[in-house]
């Protein structure tokens, strides 16, 4: 069981979302606490399937995924190969309320480390591959809105199509005050 997270999801506009996250180099109890806090923040979100550390204001290469029947903690993930194509709608906890049509690879092979530093390689297809690519993009300062193929997003509550530029204006992202910083 995780301790209650002190972190909140940062929104579009927060500079950390556009930075290249720093690699994890030390695997110790403070790192475990951060991974647990990231997991707790994901579980407290209303409809998130995954979260990356920059989304809680921490510039570290850490991703937590809880999608369908699979839970993954990925540290320093790297896409080794990809194949095929898929295009579908996706959203983001840091850009709430909107979804956009984004092309992704159908299958990806990913190398990462677990919370103890052990190296693991996995291959996933379909929606899990989409999820992996979306979260690894976060670690490189790339957001789904950068890859939307249409010139619009869809508002999740109303199904209304909104021009991408207008959605960016509506969602002018504010920093979340009081975020605790952990140095690793």
N, C-alpha and C. Protein backbone atom coordinates (compact mmCIF):
# COMPACT_ATOMS: atom_id res chain seq x y z
N UNK A 1 0.84 -1.18 0.00
CA UNK A 1 0.00 0.00 0.00
C UNK A 1 0.89 1.24 0.00
N UNK A 2 0.49 2.26 -0.75
CA UNK A 2 1.29 3.46 -0.84
C UNK A 2 0.81 4.52 0.13
N UNK A 3 1.74 5.40 0.53
CA UNK A 3 1.36 6.55 1.34
C UNK A 3 0.61 7.52 0.44
N UNK A 4 -0.24 8.35 1.06
CA UNK A 4 -0.98 9.35 0.30
C UNK A 4 0.01 10.29 -0.40
N UNK A 5 -0.17 10.46 -1.68
CA UNK A 5 0.73 11.28 -2.46
C UNK A 5 0.55 12.75 -2.15
N UNK A 6 1.67 13.47 -2.11
CA UNK A 6 1.64 14.92 -1.94
C UNK A 6 1.67 15.60 -3.30
N UNK A 7 1.65 14.83 -4.35
CA UNK A 7 1.77 15.37 -5.69
C UNK A 7 0.41 15.56 -6.34
N UNK A 8 0.37 16.54 -7.22
CA UNK A 8 -0.80 16.78 -8.06
C UNK A 8 -0.33 16.75 -9.50
N UNK A 9 -1.24 16.45 -10.39
CA UNK A 9 -0.90 16.40 -11.80
C UNK A 9 -0.74 17.83 -12.32
N UNK A 10 0.41 18.09 -12.94
CA UNK A 10 0.63 19.40 -13.52
C UNK A 10 -0.05 19.46 -14.88
N UNK A 11 -0.48 20.64 -15.24
CA UNK A 11 -1.25 20.85 -16.47
C UNK A 11 -0.39 21.41 -17.59
N UNK A 12 -0.94 21.29 -18.77
CA UNK A 12 -0.32 21.87 -19.96
C UNK A 12 0.06 23.32 -19.67
N UNK A 13 1.25 23.69 -20.07
CA UNK A 13 1.76 25.03 -19.80
C UNK A 13 2.88 25.02 -18.77
N UNK A 14 2.93 23.98 -17.95
CA UNK A 14 4.01 23.86 -16.95
C UNK A 14 5.30 23.49 -17.70
N UNK A 15 6.39 24.24 -17.52
CA UNK A 15 7.63 24.00 -18.27
C UNK A 15 8.18 22.58 -18.16
N UNK A 16 8.01 21.91 -17.02
CA UNK A 16 8.57 20.56 -16.85
C UNK A 16 8.02 19.58 -17.89
N UNK A 17 6.82 19.85 -18.41
CA UNK A 17 6.23 18.97 -19.42
C UNK A 17 6.95 19.06 -20.76
N UNK A 18 7.74 20.11 -20.96
CA UNK A 18 8.45 20.30 -22.23
C UNK A 18 9.95 20.01 -22.11
N UNK A 19 10.37 19.57 -20.95
CA UNK A 19 11.79 19.26 -20.73
C UNK A 19 12.07 17.79 -21.02
N UNK A 20 13.32 17.50 -21.39
CA UNK A 20 13.76 16.12 -21.47
C UNK A 20 14.09 15.68 -20.04
N UNK A 21 13.40 14.65 -19.58
CA UNK A 21 13.57 14.19 -18.20
C UNK A 21 14.95 13.57 -18.00
N UNK A 22 15.45 13.70 -16.80
CA UNK A 22 16.78 13.17 -16.45
C UNK A 22 16.69 11.67 -16.15
N UNK A 23 17.72 10.92 -16.54
CA UNK A 23 17.70 9.48 -16.24
C UNK A 23 17.80 9.20 -14.74
N UNK A 24 17.24 8.08 -14.35
CA UNK A 24 17.38 7.60 -12.98
C UNK A 24 18.74 6.91 -12.90
N UNK A 25 19.55 7.33 -11.94
CA UNK A 25 20.90 6.76 -11.80
C UNK A 25 21.12 6.09 -10.45
N UNK A 26 20.27 6.42 -9.48
CA UNK A 26 20.41 5.86 -8.13
C UNK A 26 19.10 5.15 -7.78
N UNK A 27 19.21 3.88 -7.41
CA UNK A 27 18.03 3.07 -7.09
C UNK A 27 18.03 2.80 -5.59
N UNK A 28 17.27 3.61 -4.84
CA UNK A 28 17.24 3.47 -3.39
C UNK A 28 15.84 3.81 -2.87
N UNK A 29 15.69 3.90 -1.54
CA UNK A 29 14.38 4.07 -0.93
C UNK A 29 13.68 5.35 -1.37
N UNK A 30 14.42 6.44 -1.60
CA UNK A 30 13.78 7.69 -2.05
C UNK A 30 13.17 7.51 -3.44
N UNK A 31 13.85 6.74 -4.29
CA UNK A 31 13.30 6.44 -5.60
C UNK A 31 12.03 5.61 -5.45
N UNK A 32 12.06 4.61 -4.58
CA UNK A 32 10.88 3.78 -4.35
C UNK A 32 9.71 4.63 -3.87
N UNK A 33 9.99 5.60 -3.00
CA UNK A 33 8.93 6.50 -2.52
C UNK A 33 8.35 7.32 -3.67
N UNK A 34 9.22 7.77 -4.57
CA UNK A 34 8.74 8.54 -5.72
C UNK A 34 7.88 7.68 -6.65
N UNK A 35 8.31 6.46 -6.92
CA UNK A 35 7.52 5.55 -7.77
C UNK A 35 6.18 5.27 -7.10
N UNK A 36 6.18 5.05 -5.79
CA UNK A 36 4.93 4.83 -5.06
C UNK A 36 4.01 6.05 -5.13
N UNK A 37 4.59 7.24 -5.02
CA UNK A 37 3.80 8.47 -5.10
C UNK A 37 3.22 8.65 -6.50
N UNK A 38 3.99 8.31 -7.51
CA UNK A 38 3.52 8.38 -8.89
C UNK A 38 2.36 7.41 -9.09
N UNK A 39 2.50 6.20 -8.56
CA UNK A 39 1.44 5.20 -8.64
C UNK A 39 0.18 5.70 -7.93
N UNK A 40 0.34 6.25 -6.74
CA UNK A 40 -0.80 6.77 -5.99
C UNK A 40 -1.50 7.88 -6.75
N UNK A 41 -0.73 8.77 -7.36
CA UNK A 41 -1.32 9.86 -8.13
C UNK A 41 -2.10 9.31 -9.31
N UNK A 42 -1.57 8.30 -9.98
CA UNK A 42 -2.30 7.67 -11.09
C UNK A 42 -3.59 7.04 -10.60
N UNK A 43 -3.53 6.30 -9.50
CA UNK A 43 -4.72 5.63 -8.98
C UNK A 43 -5.79 6.63 -8.54
N UNK A 44 -5.37 7.82 -8.09
CA UNK A 44 -6.34 8.83 -7.68
C UNK A 44 -6.93 9.61 -8.85
N UNK A 45 -6.31 9.49 -10.02
CA UNK A 45 -6.85 10.19 -11.19
C UNK A 45 -8.14 9.50 -11.62
N UNK A 46 -9.01 10.25 -12.25
CA UNK A 46 -10.33 9.71 -12.59
C UNK A 46 -10.29 8.69 -13.71
N UNK A 47 -9.50 8.95 -14.73
CA UNK A 47 -9.56 8.05 -15.88
C UNK A 47 -8.20 7.81 -16.53
N UNK A 48 -7.14 7.93 -15.76
CA UNK A 48 -5.81 7.74 -16.33
C UNK A 48 -5.41 6.28 -16.40
N UNK A 49 -4.72 5.93 -17.47
CA UNK A 49 -4.18 4.58 -17.63
C UNK A 49 -2.69 4.55 -17.33
N UNK A 50 -2.07 5.74 -17.36
CA UNK A 50 -0.62 5.81 -17.16
C UNK A 50 -0.23 7.23 -16.79
N UNK A 51 0.97 7.35 -16.25
CA UNK A 51 1.48 8.66 -15.85
C UNK A 51 3.00 8.63 -15.91
N UNK A 52 3.59 9.76 -16.27
CA UNK A 52 5.04 9.92 -16.29
C UNK A 52 5.43 10.92 -15.22
N UNK A 53 6.62 10.76 -14.66
CA UNK A 53 7.07 11.63 -13.57
C UNK A 53 6.98 13.12 -13.89
N UNK A 54 7.28 13.57 -15.11
CA UNK A 54 7.11 15.01 -15.38
C UNK A 54 5.68 15.50 -15.14
N UNK A 55 4.71 14.62 -15.21
CA UNK A 55 3.32 15.01 -14.99
C UNK A 55 3.01 15.32 -13.53
N UNK A 56 3.94 15.00 -12.64
CA UNK A 56 3.79 15.43 -11.25
C UNK A 56 4.89 16.42 -10.89
N UNK A 57 5.51 16.98 -11.92
CA UNK A 57 6.50 18.02 -11.71
C UNK A 57 7.90 17.54 -11.43
N UNK A 58 8.17 16.25 -11.66
CA UNK A 58 9.48 15.67 -11.37
C UNK A 58 10.15 15.27 -12.69
N UNK A 59 11.28 15.88 -12.98
CA UNK A 59 11.99 15.62 -14.23
C UNK A 59 12.87 14.37 -14.11
N UNK A 60 12.22 13.22 -14.06
CA UNK A 60 12.91 11.94 -14.01
C UNK A 60 12.26 11.00 -15.02
N UNK A 61 13.05 10.08 -15.57
CA UNK A 61 12.56 9.16 -16.60
C UNK A 61 11.89 7.96 -15.93
N UNK A 62 10.67 8.21 -15.44
CA UNK A 62 9.89 7.19 -14.75
C UNK A 62 8.47 7.22 -15.30
N UNK A 63 7.93 6.03 -15.58
CA UNK A 63 6.56 5.88 -16.07
C UNK A 63 5.89 4.78 -15.26
N UNK A 64 4.62 4.99 -14.92
CA UNK A 64 3.80 3.95 -14.31
C UNK A 64 2.58 3.75 -15.20
N UNK A 65 2.31 2.49 -15.54
CA UNK A 65 1.16 2.15 -16.38
C UNK A 65 0.30 1.15 -15.63
N UNK A 66 -1.00 1.40 -15.61
CA UNK A 66 -1.97 0.46 -15.05
C UNK A 66 -3.10 0.38 -16.07
N UNK A 67 -2.92 -0.50 -17.05
CA UNK A 67 -3.86 -0.57 -18.16
C UNK A 67 -4.35 -2.00 -18.32
N UNK A 68 -5.67 -2.13 -18.37
CA UNK A 68 -6.32 -3.43 -18.45
C UNK A 68 -5.79 -4.30 -17.31
N UNK A 69 -5.17 -5.43 -17.61
CA UNK A 69 -4.70 -6.33 -16.56
C UNK A 69 -3.20 -6.24 -16.32
N UNK A 70 -2.58 -5.16 -16.76
CA UNK A 70 -1.13 -5.07 -16.64
C UNK A 70 -0.72 -3.80 -15.89
N UNK A 71 0.17 -3.99 -14.91
CA UNK A 71 0.75 -2.89 -14.15
C UNK A 71 2.25 -2.90 -14.40
N UNK A 72 2.80 -1.77 -14.84
CA UNK A 72 4.23 -1.68 -15.12
C UNK A 72 4.82 -0.43 -14.47
N UNK A 73 6.02 -0.58 -13.93
CA UNK A 73 6.83 0.55 -13.49
C UNK A 73 8.07 0.54 -14.38
N UNK A 74 8.23 1.57 -15.18
CA UNK A 74 9.33 1.63 -16.14
C UNK A 74 10.25 2.80 -15.81
N UNK A 75 11.50 2.50 -15.53
CA UNK A 75 12.50 3.53 -15.27
C UNK A 75 13.48 3.53 -16.44
N UNK A 76 13.78 4.71 -16.92
CA UNK A 76 14.67 4.87 -18.07
C UNK A 76 14.21 4.07 -19.29
N UNK A 77 12.91 4.11 -19.62
CA UNK A 77 12.43 3.33 -20.76
C UNK A 77 12.96 3.89 -22.08
N UNK A 78 13.16 2.97 -23.00
CA UNK A 78 13.69 3.32 -24.32
C UNK A 78 13.03 2.40 -25.34
N UNK A 79 12.51 2.98 -26.41
CA UNK A 79 11.93 2.17 -27.48
C UNK A 79 13.07 1.65 -28.34
N UNK A 80 13.20 0.32 -28.40
CA UNK A 80 14.26 -0.31 -29.19
C UNK A 80 13.86 -0.47 -30.64
N UNK A 81 12.58 -0.79 -30.87
CA UNK A 81 12.09 -0.95 -32.23
C UNK A 81 10.58 -0.77 -32.24
N UNK A 82 10.07 -0.47 -33.42
CA UNK A 82 8.62 -0.33 -33.59
C UNK A 82 8.25 -0.79 -34.99
N UNK A 83 6.99 -1.19 -35.13
CA UNK A 83 6.52 -1.63 -36.45
C UNK A 83 5.02 -1.40 -36.56
N UNK A 84 4.57 -1.37 -37.80
CA UNK A 84 3.15 -1.20 -38.06
C UNK A 84 2.68 0.21 -37.76
N UNK A 85 1.40 0.43 -38.01
CA UNK A 85 0.80 1.74 -37.77
C UNK A 85 -0.58 1.58 -37.18
N UNK A 86 -0.94 2.52 -36.33
CA UNK A 86 -2.30 2.63 -35.82
C UNK A 86 -2.57 4.11 -35.58
N UNK A 87 -3.80 4.52 -35.78
CA UNK A 87 -4.21 5.89 -35.48
C UNK A 87 -5.48 5.79 -34.67
N UNK A 88 -5.50 6.48 -33.54
CA UNK A 88 -6.67 6.44 -32.67
C UNK A 88 -6.66 7.69 -31.80
N UNK A 89 -7.78 7.87 -31.10
CA UNK A 89 -7.88 9.00 -30.18
C UNK A 89 -7.15 8.68 -28.89
N UNK A 90 -6.51 9.69 -28.34
CA UNK A 90 -5.91 9.57 -27.01
C UNK A 90 -6.02 10.91 -26.30
N UNK A 91 -5.96 10.84 -24.99
CA UNK A 91 -6.02 12.03 -24.15
C UNK A 91 -4.83 12.03 -23.21
N UNK A 92 -4.86 12.96 -22.26
CA UNK A 92 -3.72 13.11 -21.36
C UNK A 92 -4.17 13.72 -20.04
N UNK A 93 -3.67 13.19 -18.94
CA UNK A 93 -3.99 13.74 -17.63
C UNK A 93 -3.55 15.20 -17.49
N UNK A 94 -2.53 15.60 -18.22
CA UNK A 94 -2.04 16.98 -18.15
C UNK A 94 -2.76 17.91 -19.13
N UNK A 95 -3.64 17.38 -19.92
CA UNK A 95 -4.43 18.17 -20.86
C UNK A 95 -5.87 17.65 -20.76
N UNK A 96 -6.49 17.82 -19.59
CA UNK A 96 -7.78 17.17 -19.33
C UNK A 96 -8.92 17.72 -20.19
N UNK A 97 -9.84 16.81 -20.48
CA UNK A 97 -11.06 17.22 -21.17
C UNK A 97 -11.02 17.10 -22.68
N UNK A 98 -9.85 16.84 -23.25
CA UNK A 98 -9.74 16.80 -24.70
C UNK A 98 -9.05 15.52 -25.16
N UNK A 99 -9.45 15.03 -26.33
CA UNK A 99 -8.78 13.91 -26.97
C UNK A 99 -8.46 14.31 -28.40
N UNK A 100 -7.46 13.65 -28.96
CA UNK A 100 -7.07 13.95 -30.34
C UNK A 100 -6.62 12.69 -31.04
N UNK A 101 -6.73 12.70 -32.36
CA UNK A 101 -6.36 11.58 -33.20
C UNK A 101 -4.84 11.60 -33.41
N UNK A 102 -4.16 10.53 -32.95
CA UNK A 102 -2.70 10.49 -32.97
C UNK A 102 -2.22 9.20 -33.62
N UNK A 103 -1.32 9.30 -34.61
CA UNK A 103 -0.73 8.09 -35.19
C UNK A 103 0.38 7.56 -34.27
N UNK A 104 0.43 6.26 -34.15
CA UNK A 104 1.46 5.58 -33.35
C UNK A 104 1.86 4.29 -34.05
N UNK A 105 2.96 3.70 -33.62
CA UNK A 105 3.34 2.37 -34.09
C UNK A 105 2.38 1.35 -33.49
N UNK A 106 2.11 0.30 -34.21
CA UNK A 106 1.22 -0.76 -33.73
C UNK A 106 1.91 -1.62 -32.67
N UNK A 107 3.21 -1.85 -32.85
CA UNK A 107 3.97 -2.71 -31.93
C UNK A 107 5.28 -2.00 -31.56
N UNK A 108 5.64 -2.09 -30.28
CA UNK A 108 6.92 -1.53 -29.83
C UNK A 108 7.65 -2.54 -28.95
N UNK A 109 8.96 -2.51 -29.05
CA UNK A 109 9.83 -3.26 -28.14
C UNK A 109 10.51 -2.22 -27.27
N UNK A 110 10.38 -2.37 -25.95
CA UNK A 110 10.86 -1.37 -25.00
C UNK A 110 11.81 -2.01 -23.99
N UNK A 111 12.94 -1.33 -23.78
CA UNK A 111 13.89 -1.73 -22.74
C UNK A 111 13.74 -0.73 -21.60
N UNK A 112 13.71 -1.23 -20.37
CA UNK A 112 13.61 -0.35 -19.20
C UNK A 112 14.23 -1.03 -18.00
N UNK A 113 14.30 -0.30 -16.89
CA UNK A 113 14.75 -0.87 -15.63
C UNK A 113 13.59 -0.86 -14.65
N UNK A 114 13.57 -1.85 -13.76
CA UNK A 114 12.57 -1.83 -12.70
C UNK A 114 13.10 -0.96 -11.55
N UNK A 115 12.34 -0.86 -10.48
CA UNK A 115 12.71 0.03 -9.37
C UNK A 115 14.00 -0.39 -8.66
N UNK A 116 14.47 -1.60 -8.92
CA UNK A 116 15.73 -2.06 -8.33
C UNK A 116 16.90 -1.99 -9.30
N UNK A 117 16.65 -1.49 -10.51
CA UNK A 117 17.71 -1.34 -11.50
C UNK A 117 17.88 -2.50 -12.44
N UNK A 118 17.04 -3.54 -12.31
CA UNK A 118 17.13 -4.70 -13.19
C UNK A 118 16.60 -4.33 -14.58
N UNK A 119 17.34 -4.73 -15.62
CA UNK A 119 16.94 -4.42 -16.99
C UNK A 119 15.92 -5.44 -17.49
N UNK A 120 14.89 -4.93 -18.17
CA UNK A 120 13.81 -5.77 -18.69
C UNK A 120 13.51 -5.30 -20.11
N UNK A 121 13.17 -6.24 -21.00
CA UNK A 121 12.75 -5.91 -22.36
C UNK A 121 11.38 -6.54 -22.57
N UNK A 122 10.44 -5.73 -23.08
CA UNK A 122 9.09 -6.21 -23.36
C UNK A 122 8.71 -5.81 -24.78
N UNK A 123 7.74 -6.51 -25.32
CA UNK A 123 7.15 -6.13 -26.60
C UNK A 123 5.64 -6.09 -26.42
N UNK A 124 5.02 -5.00 -26.85
CA UNK A 124 3.58 -4.84 -26.70
C UNK A 124 2.99 -4.29 -28.00
N UNK A 125 1.72 -4.63 -28.22
CA UNK A 125 1.00 -4.17 -29.40
C UNK A 125 -0.30 -3.50 -29.01
N UNK A 126 -0.92 -2.86 -29.98
CA UNK A 126 -2.25 -2.27 -29.78
C UNK A 126 -2.24 -1.10 -28.82
N UNK A 127 -3.25 -1.10 -27.95
CA UNK A 127 -3.42 0.04 -27.04
C UNK A 127 -2.30 0.14 -26.00
N UNK A 128 -1.75 -0.98 -25.59
CA UNK A 128 -0.62 -0.92 -24.65
C UNK A 128 0.60 -0.30 -25.34
N UNK A 129 0.82 -0.61 -26.62
CA UNK A 129 1.91 0.01 -27.36
C UNK A 129 1.68 1.52 -27.46
N UNK A 130 0.44 1.91 -27.69
CA UNK A 130 0.08 3.34 -27.75
C UNK A 130 0.39 4.01 -26.41
N UNK A 131 0.01 3.36 -25.35
CA UNK A 131 0.23 3.90 -24.00
C UNK A 131 1.73 4.06 -23.72
N UNK A 132 2.52 3.07 -24.05
CA UNK A 132 3.96 3.14 -23.85
C UNK A 132 4.57 4.31 -24.62
N UNK A 133 4.17 4.46 -25.89
CA UNK A 133 4.71 5.55 -26.71
C UNK A 133 4.32 6.92 -26.16
N UNK A 134 3.06 7.05 -25.74
CA UNK A 134 2.57 8.32 -25.18
C UNK A 134 3.39 8.72 -23.95
N UNK A 135 3.60 7.77 -23.05
CA UNK A 135 4.32 8.08 -21.81
C UNK A 135 5.81 8.31 -22.04
N UNK A 136 6.42 7.55 -22.92
CA UNK A 136 7.83 7.79 -23.23
C UNK A 136 8.00 9.14 -23.90
N UNK A 137 7.03 9.54 -24.73
CA UNK A 137 7.06 10.90 -25.29
C UNK A 137 7.12 11.95 -24.18
N UNK A 138 6.33 11.75 -23.12
CA UNK A 138 6.36 12.70 -21.99
C UNK A 138 7.78 12.89 -21.46
N UNK A 139 8.54 11.82 -21.42
CA UNK A 139 9.90 11.89 -20.88
C UNK A 139 10.84 12.69 -21.78
N UNK A 140 10.41 12.89 -23.02
CA UNK A 140 11.20 13.67 -23.98
C UNK A 140 10.59 15.04 -24.25
N UNK A 141 9.63 15.45 -23.42
CA UNK A 141 9.02 16.77 -23.56
C UNK A 141 8.03 16.87 -24.70
N UNK A 142 7.53 15.73 -25.17
CA UNK A 142 6.58 15.70 -26.28
C UNK A 142 5.20 15.37 -25.73
N UNK A 143 4.20 16.14 -26.14
CA UNK A 143 2.82 15.91 -25.72
C UNK A 143 1.99 15.39 -26.88
N UNK A 144 0.89 14.72 -26.58
CA UNK A 144 0.06 14.16 -27.64
C UNK A 144 -0.43 15.23 -28.59
N UNK A 145 -0.63 16.45 -28.10
CA UNK A 145 -1.11 17.53 -28.96
C UNK A 145 -0.09 17.88 -30.04
N UNK A 146 1.17 17.52 -29.83
CA UNK A 146 2.20 17.76 -30.84
C UNK A 146 2.06 16.81 -32.02
N UNK A 147 1.34 15.72 -31.82
CA UNK A 147 1.24 14.68 -32.84
C UNK A 147 -0.16 14.51 -33.41
N UNK A 148 -1.10 15.34 -32.97
CA UNK A 148 -2.48 15.24 -33.46
C UNK A 148 -2.49 15.46 -34.97
N UNK A 149 -3.14 14.55 -35.71
CA UNK A 149 -3.15 14.64 -37.17
C UNK A 149 -4.21 15.60 -37.68
N UNK A 150 -5.29 15.76 -36.94
CA UNK A 150 -6.35 16.67 -37.35
C UNK A 150 -6.02 18.06 -36.83
N UNK A 151 -6.73 19.04 -37.29
CA UNK A 151 -6.51 20.40 -36.80
C UNK A 151 -7.46 20.71 -35.65
N UNK A 152 -8.01 19.66 -35.05
CA UNK A 152 -8.95 19.86 -33.95
C UNK A 152 -8.78 18.78 -32.89
N UNK A 153 -9.29 19.08 -31.71
CA UNK A 153 -9.42 18.12 -30.62
C UNK A 153 -10.91 17.93 -30.39
N UNK A 154 -11.25 16.87 -29.69
CA UNK A 154 -12.65 16.61 -29.35
C UNK A 154 -12.80 16.79 -27.85
N UNK A 155 -13.79 17.58 -27.44
CA UNK A 155 -14.06 17.77 -26.02
C UNK A 155 -14.74 16.50 -25.51
N UNK A 156 -14.20 15.90 -24.46
CA UNK A 156 -14.71 14.61 -23.98
C UNK A 156 -16.14 14.67 -23.45
N UNK A 157 -16.54 15.78 -22.86
CA UNK A 157 -17.88 15.87 -22.28
C UNK A 157 -18.96 16.14 -23.32
N UNK A 158 -18.63 16.93 -24.34
CA UNK A 158 -19.65 17.38 -25.29
C UNK A 158 -19.51 16.76 -26.68
N UNK A 159 -18.40 16.07 -26.95
CA UNK A 159 -18.07 15.55 -28.28
C UNK A 159 -17.91 16.66 -29.32
N UNK A 160 -17.85 17.89 -28.85
CA UNK A 160 -17.68 19.03 -29.75
C UNK A 160 -16.25 19.07 -30.27
N UNK A 161 -16.13 19.31 -31.58
CA UNK A 161 -14.81 19.48 -32.17
C UNK A 161 -14.37 20.92 -31.93
N UNK A 162 -13.14 21.06 -31.45
CA UNK A 162 -12.59 22.37 -31.14
C UNK A 162 -11.26 22.49 -31.87
N UNK A 163 -11.06 23.60 -32.56
CA UNK A 163 -9.79 23.80 -33.25
C UNK A 163 -8.66 23.65 -32.24
N UNK A 164 -7.59 23.00 -32.67
CA UNK A 164 -6.45 22.75 -31.78
C UNK A 164 -5.96 24.05 -31.14
N UNK A 165 -5.84 25.11 -31.92
CA UNK A 165 -5.37 26.39 -31.38
C UNK A 165 -6.31 26.92 -30.30
N UNK A 166 -7.62 26.76 -30.50
CA UNK A 166 -8.59 27.22 -29.49
C UNK A 166 -8.50 26.39 -28.22
N UNK A 167 -8.31 25.07 -28.38
CA UNK A 167 -8.18 24.19 -27.21
C UNK A 167 -6.93 24.56 -26.41
N UNK A 168 -5.86 24.92 -27.10
CA UNK A 168 -4.64 25.32 -26.41
C UNK A 168 -4.87 26.60 -25.62
N UNK A 169 -5.65 27.53 -26.19
CA UNK A 169 -5.97 28.77 -25.48
C UNK A 169 -6.84 28.50 -24.26
N UNK A 170 -7.82 27.59 -24.39
CA UNK A 170 -8.73 27.26 -23.29
C UNK A 170 -7.99 26.59 -22.14
N UNK A 171 -6.95 25.88 -22.48
CA UNK A 171 -6.25 25.04 -21.52
C UNK A 171 -4.88 25.62 -21.24
N UNK A 172 -4.84 26.90 -20.92
CA UNK A 172 -3.57 27.62 -20.84
C UNK A 172 -2.70 27.21 -19.67
N UNK A 173 -2.95 26.03 -19.12
CA UNK A 173 -2.11 25.41 -18.11
C UNK A 173 -1.48 26.32 -17.09
N UNK A 174 -1.79 26.08 -15.85
CA UNK A 174 -1.19 26.83 -14.76
C UNK A 174 -0.35 25.88 -13.92
N UNK A 175 0.71 26.40 -13.37
CA UNK A 175 1.55 25.60 -12.49
C UNK A 175 0.76 25.21 -11.25
N UNK A 176 1.03 24.05 -10.73
CA UNK A 176 0.39 23.60 -9.51
C UNK A 176 1.24 24.08 -8.33
N UNK A 177 0.71 25.01 -7.52
CA UNK A 177 1.51 25.54 -6.42
C UNK A 177 1.74 24.49 -5.33
N UNK A 178 2.86 24.65 -4.63
CA UNK A 178 3.12 23.80 -3.47
C UNK A 178 3.61 22.41 -3.80
N UNK A 179 4.08 22.17 -5.03
CA UNK A 179 4.58 20.84 -5.35
C UNK A 179 5.86 20.58 -4.57
N UNK A 180 5.90 19.47 -3.88
CA UNK A 180 7.10 19.07 -3.15
C UNK A 180 8.11 18.56 -4.16
N UNK A 181 9.34 18.93 -4.02
CA UNK A 181 10.40 18.48 -4.92
C UNK A 181 11.22 17.40 -4.22
N UNK A 182 11.54 16.34 -4.96
CA UNK A 182 12.41 15.30 -4.43
C UNK A 182 13.67 15.28 -5.29
N UNK A 183 14.81 15.40 -4.69
CA UNK A 183 16.07 15.33 -5.42
C UNK A 183 16.58 13.90 -5.34
N UNK A 184 16.84 13.33 -6.50
CA UNK A 184 17.38 11.96 -6.54
C UNK A 184 18.75 11.98 -7.19
